[in-house]
Amino acid sequence: MVLKMITKNNTKKGKAIEYHIISELLKNDFDVFVPVVDTGTDLIIKDREGGLVEIQVKSRDIQSDEDVFFIKDFKPNFNFFIVCHNINTGDFFCMPSEKFYQKSNFNKEKNQRELTNSSLIKHNWCKNNKGVELLKKALESKQNRVSGYLEKEE
């Protein structure tokens, strides 16, 4: 779904896309939480078995394959995922932070990692519904379980 953006304010655009992604996650039966303070995690999804995944949402009005998604430099983690949303097409790509980190270039001057739209397409990252499926699998992964989570009694 292509969202028509009237505002020129990048903060408002970013927040609108975050809520669009929240809507997609809710429609796919995720429990979604929004941190009060944004410290690099825009959303948290969890399940009732203790699975927990953090998500950073990045959106851009992508016009060409060479346009760039960028994110402040970060430490990749198995339960941290990046969602890149193209405002122009409505498509979003989801990937583990390790993959974004590996495939992106580091811009030392700006202290950020940069990944081109062509790289997202070329590496066939999980697009739209495949991204939703990737997040479901991530929640089910034993390594994304909150330690000390109460096990169901048998």
Foldseek 3Di string as FASTA:
>chain_A
DADDDPDPDPVVVQVVVLVVVVVLLVVVPWDKDADPDCPQFGIWTADPQQFIATEGEWEDQDDDQFDKTKDADDDFDLRYKYWYAHNNPRKIFIDGPVVQVVQWDADVVVNMTIDTNNNCVVVVGQMDPRNSVVNVVNSVDPVRGDPPPDDDDD
